[in-house]
Amino acid sequence: MKKLLFMAGACFMMASVFAQSEKFTGAMKKNLAALDTAFQNPASLLSVANNFERIATAEKTQWLPYYYAALLQVNYGFGLQDKSQVDAVADKANELISKADSLAPNNSEISCVKSMIASCHMMVDPMQRWQQYGAASNEAMEAAMVQDPTNPRPYLLKGQGLKYTPEQFGGGCATAKVELKTALDKYATFKPAGELYPDWGKDIAQGLFDGCK
């Protein structure tokens, strides 16, 4: 009888875990489907970011919802016209990505978002902030390259940064195209670790590369 009760209890626990996993996957898919629309309508970036943060808060052990919440948050920051608001948005993104990092340390995708957050802080006042935040952005970008050499996104970020850096400071299309071509080559063979994992940026890389022709 005890054995039967144990087996029944184990089956119930497995069913409960499976149901929770299905709920998480469904919520993630729903919000991932909203990503493209959100980027086309920046006002909705925070709304989707908040959805991912709620998923993360409910799950607590999953790094991906924190990652996506931070990614959307920092992209919202890049689009702000009022620079006095940017630091607070970037700080919120940093809070979120730090939680992702605690769950999945030494993660290339997380390092990419760290690089973006540092760049977002820097863009408030590039001349005054380059030394601090430019260095932090490059450090995170290079870490991402080492953590996963197959990941195209750090090369996209590097190429994007170089394209908008003046030639006298080592930027411009000539140097950017090298990194963007590397990103595109890596996108051609890159396979996400799972259906919920990051797979964004190819169209951005292609657009930047084509813009340099």
Protein backbone atom coordinates (compact mmCIF):
# COMPACT_ATOMS: atom_id res chain seq x y z
CA MET A 1 0.00 0.00 0.00
CA LYS A 2 2.82 2.41 0.91
CA LYS A 3 4.50 1.64 -2.40
CA LEU A 4 1.29 2.35 -4.29
CA LEU A 5 0.82 5.63 -2.42
CA PHE A 6 4.42 6.62 -3.20
CA MET A 7 3.94 5.86 -6.89
CA ALA A 8 0.68 7.82 -6.97
CA GLY A 9 2.37 10.76 -5.28
CA ALA A 10 5.29 10.64 -7.70
CA CYS A 11 2.95 10.59 -10.68
CA PHE A 12 1.04 13.57 -9.30
CA MET A 13 4.28 15.52 -8.81
CA MET A 14 5.43 14.71 -12.36
CA ALA A 15 2.08 15.81 -13.78
CA SER A 16 2.28 19.04 -11.79
CA VAL A 17 5.82 19.78 -12.99
CA PHE A 18 4.82 19.03 -16.59
CA ALA A 19 1.80 21.35 -16.35
CA GLN A 20 3.99 24.12 -14.91
CA SER A 21 6.53 23.63 -17.71
CA GLU A 22 3.78 23.79 -20.33
CA LYS A 23 2.42 26.99 -18.76
CA PHE A 24 5.91 28.58 -18.80
CA THR A 25 6.54 27.56 -22.42
CA GLY A 26 3.16 28.86 -23.53
CA ALA A 27 3.65 32.22 -21.82
CA MET A 28 7.13 32.59 -23.29
CA LYS A 29 5.99 31.73 -26.82
CA LYS A 30 3.13 34.21 -26.61
CA ASN A 31 5.46 37.05 -25.67
CA LEU A 32 8.21 36.03 -28.07
CA ALA A 33 5.62 36.27 -30.85
CA ALA A 34 5.06 39.88 -29.79
CA LEU A 35 8.74 40.83 -30.11
CA ASP A 36 8.72 41.93 -33.75
CA THR A 37 5.61 44.04 -33.27
CA ALA A 38 7.11 45.58 -30.14
CA PHE A 39 10.26 46.66 -31.96
CA GLN A 40 8.14 48.25 -34.69
CA ASN A 41 6.19 50.16 -32.03
CA PRO A 42 8.68 51.26 -29.34
CA ALA A 43 5.89 52.31 -26.99
CA SER A 44 4.99 48.65 -26.53
CA LEU A 45 8.56 47.56 -25.68
CA LEU A 46 8.01 48.22 -21.98
CA SER A 47 4.70 46.40 -21.99
CA VAL A 48 6.24 43.22 -23.37
CA ALA A 49 9.28 43.67 -21.10
CA ASN A 50 6.93 43.79 -18.12
CA ASN A 51 5.24 40.60 -19.31
CA PHE A 52 8.59 38.80 -19.38
CA GLU A 53 9.48 40.16 -15.95
CA ARG A 54 6.21 38.78 -14.55
CA ILE A 55 7.04 35.38 -16.03
CA ALA A 56 10.52 35.56 -14.48
CA THR A 57 9.11 36.52 -11.08
CA ALA A 58 6.69 33.59 -11.19
CA GLU A 59 9.31 31.06 -12.25
CA LYS A 60 12.33 32.39 -10.33
CA THR A 61 14.78 29.80 -11.72
CA GLN A 62 14.53 30.61 -15.45
CA TRP A 63 17.07 33.04 -16.92
CA LEU A 64 15.42 33.54 -20.31
CA PRO A 65 12.48 35.75 -19.21
CA TYR A 66 14.88 38.02 -17.30
CA TYR A 67 17.07 38.14 -20.42
CA TYR A 68 14.22 39.15 -22.73
CA ALA A 69 12.90 41.70 -20.24
CA ALA A 70 16.35 43.31 -20.11
CA LEU A 71 16.75 43.18 -23.90
CA LEU A 72 13.47 45.01 -24.44
CA GLN A 73 14.19 47.47 -21.65
CA VAL A 74 17.55 48.52 -23.07
CA ASN A 75 16.16 48.85 -26.58
CA TYR A 76 13.50 51.15 -25.19
CA GLY A 77 16.32 53.18 -23.65
CA PHE A 78 18.10 53.50 -26.99
CA GLY A 79 14.97 55.00 -28.51
CA LEU A 80 14.35 57.67 -25.87
CA GLN A 81 14.66 61.24 -27.10
CA ASP A 82 14.83 62.65 -23.58
CA LYS A 83 18.33 61.67 -22.47
CA SER A 84 17.56 62.53 -18.86
CA GLN A 85 15.39 59.38 -18.72
CA VAL A 86 17.91 56.96 -20.22
CA ASP A 87 20.01 56.13 -17.17
CA ALA A 88 16.99 54.98 -15.15
CA VAL A 89 15.85 52.71 -17.99
CA ALA A 90 19.36 51.30 -18.44
CA ASP A 91 19.64 50.73 -14.68
CA LYS A 92 16.40 48.75 -14.76
CA ALA A 93 17.75 46.68 -17.65
CA ASN A 94 20.92 46.07 -15.65
CA GLU A 95 18.89 44.90 -12.65
CA LEU A 96 17.09 42.38 -14.86
CA ILE A 97 20.17 41.08 -16.66
CA SER A 98 21.99 40.72 -13.33
CA LYS A 99 19.25 38.32 -12.23
CA ALA A 100 19.64 36.37 -15.47
CA ASP A 101 23.40 36.30 -14.92
CA SER A 102 22.98 34.87 -11.42
CA LEU A 103 20.99 31.98 -12.93
CA ALA A 104 23.19 31.40 -15.99
CA PRO A 105 26.71 32.79 -15.44
CA ASN A 106 29.26 33.08 -18.26
CA ASN A 107 26.48 33.19 -20.83
CA SER A 108 27.25 34.77 -24.21
CA GLU A 109 23.71 36.07 -24.77
CA ILE A 110 23.66 37.71 -21.35
CA SER A 111 27.05 39.32 -22.02
CA CYS A 112 25.65 40.81 -25.24
CA VAL A 113 22.88 42.54 -23.30
CA LYS A 114 25.42 43.76 -20.73
CA SER A 115 27.35 45.32 -23.61
CA MET A 116 24.18 46.98 -24.91
CA ILE A 117 23.34 48.38 -21.47
CA ALA A 118 26.80 49.95 -21.13
CA SER A 119 26.41 51.46 -24.61
CA CYS A 120 23.01 52.83 -23.65
CA HIS A 121 24.52 54.61 -20.63
CA MET A 122 27.34 55.90 -22.82
CA MET A 123 25.01 57.40 -25.45
CA VAL A 124 23.64 59.88 -22.89
CA ASP A 125 26.94 61.78 -23.23
CA PRO A 126 29.45 59.90 -25.43
CA MET A 127 32.31 62.37 -25.06
CA GLN A 128 32.16 62.34 -21.26
CA ARG A 129 31.22 58.70 -20.75
CA TRP A 130 33.26 56.86 -23.37
CA GLN A 131 36.12 55.95 -21.04
CA GLN A 132 33.87 54.28 -18.46
CA TYR A 133 31.00 52.83 -20.44
CA GLY A 134 32.77 52.30 -23.77
CA ALA A 135 35.32 50.11 -22.04
CA ALA A 136 32.59 48.18 -20.20
CA SER A 137 30.67 47.65 -23.44
CA ASN A 138 33.75 46.32 -25.25
CA GLU A 139 34.69 44.07 -22.33
CA ALA A 140 31.23 42.45 -22.27
CA MET A 141 31.22 42.12 -26.06
CA GLU A 142 34.59 40.37 -26.10
CA ALA A 143 33.47 38.10 -23.25
CA ALA A 144 30.44 37.11 -25.34
CA MET A 145 32.71 36.12 -28.23
CA VAL A 146 34.77 33.86 -25.98
CA GLN A 147 31.80 32.34 -24.13
CA ASP A 148 30.22 31.16 -27.38
CA PRO A 149 32.34 31.52 -30.54
CA THR A 150 29.34 30.47 -32.66
CA ASN A 151 27.15 33.35 -31.45
CA PRO A 152 26.72 35.99 -34.20
CA ARG A 153 25.28 38.69 -31.94
CA PRO A 154 28.49 40.08 -30.40
CA TYR A 155 29.86 40.55 -33.93
CA LEU A 156 26.64 42.30 -34.91
CA LEU A 157 27.00 44.64 -31.94
CA LYS A 158 30.65 45.31 -32.75
CA GLY A 159 29.90 46.01 -36.40
CA GLN A 160 26.98 48.26 -35.50
CA GLY A 161 29.13 50.24 -33.10
CA LEU A 162 31.91 50.64 -35.65
CA LYS A 163 29.53 51.80 -38.37
CA TYR A 164 28.43 54.74 -36.25
CA THR A 165 31.92 55.54 -34.96
CA PRO A 166 33.76 58.30 -36.89
CA GLU A 167 36.56 57.08 -39.16
CA GLN A 168 39.14 59.17 -37.28
CA PHE A 169 38.40 56.99 -34.25
CA GLY A 170 38.72 53.70 -36.13
CA GLY A 171 35.12 53.37 -37.24
CA GLY A 172 33.21 53.73 -40.46
CA CYS A 173 31.92 51.25 -42.99
CA ALA A 174 35.30 49.81 -43.97
CA THR A 175 35.92 48.38 -40.51
CA ALA A 176 32.25 47.72 -39.74
CA LYS A 177 31.74 45.52 -42.81
CA VAL A 178 34.40 43.06 -41.61
CA GLU A 179 32.54 42.43 -38.35
CA LEU A 180 29.12 42.45 -39.99
CA LYS A 181 30.29 39.88 -42.56
CA THR A 182 31.52 37.69 -39.71
CA ALA A 183 28.13 38.07 -38.02
CA LEU A 184 26.27 37.10 -41.21
CA ASP A 185 28.50 34.05 -41.73
CA LYS A 186 27.77 32.94 -38.18
CA TYR A 187 24.02 33.55 -38.57
CA ALA A 188 24.09 31.17 -41.56
CA THR A 189 25.09 28.25 -39.31
CA PHE A 190 23.90 29.33 -35.84
CA LYS A 191 21.36 27.08 -34.13
CA PRO A 192 19.64 28.24 -30.91
CA ALA A 193 19.86 25.84 -27.98
CA GLY A 194 16.06 25.58 -27.90
CA GLU A 195 12.86 27.08 -29.23
CA LEU A 196 12.79 29.79 -26.55
CA TYR A 197 16.44 30.78 -26.94
CA PRO A 198 17.66 34.00 -28.61
CA ASP A 199 17.74 33.97 -32.40
CA TRP A 200 17.44 37.65 -33.27
CA GLY A 201 19.55 40.07 -35.27
CA LYS A 202 20.16 38.57 -38.72
CA ASP A 203 17.97 41.12 -40.49
CA ILE A 204 19.67 43.94 -38.57
CA ALA A 205 23.12 42.69 -39.56
CA GLN A 206 22.07 42.34 -43.20
CA GLY A 207 20.57 45.83 -43.26
CA LEU A 208 23.71 47.39 -41.75
CA PHE A 209 25.94 45.46 -44.15
CA ASP A 210 23.87 46.44 -47.19
CA GLY A 211 23.91 50.05 -46.03
CA CYS A 212 27.68 50.05 -46.24
CA LYS A 213 27.80 49.09 -49.95
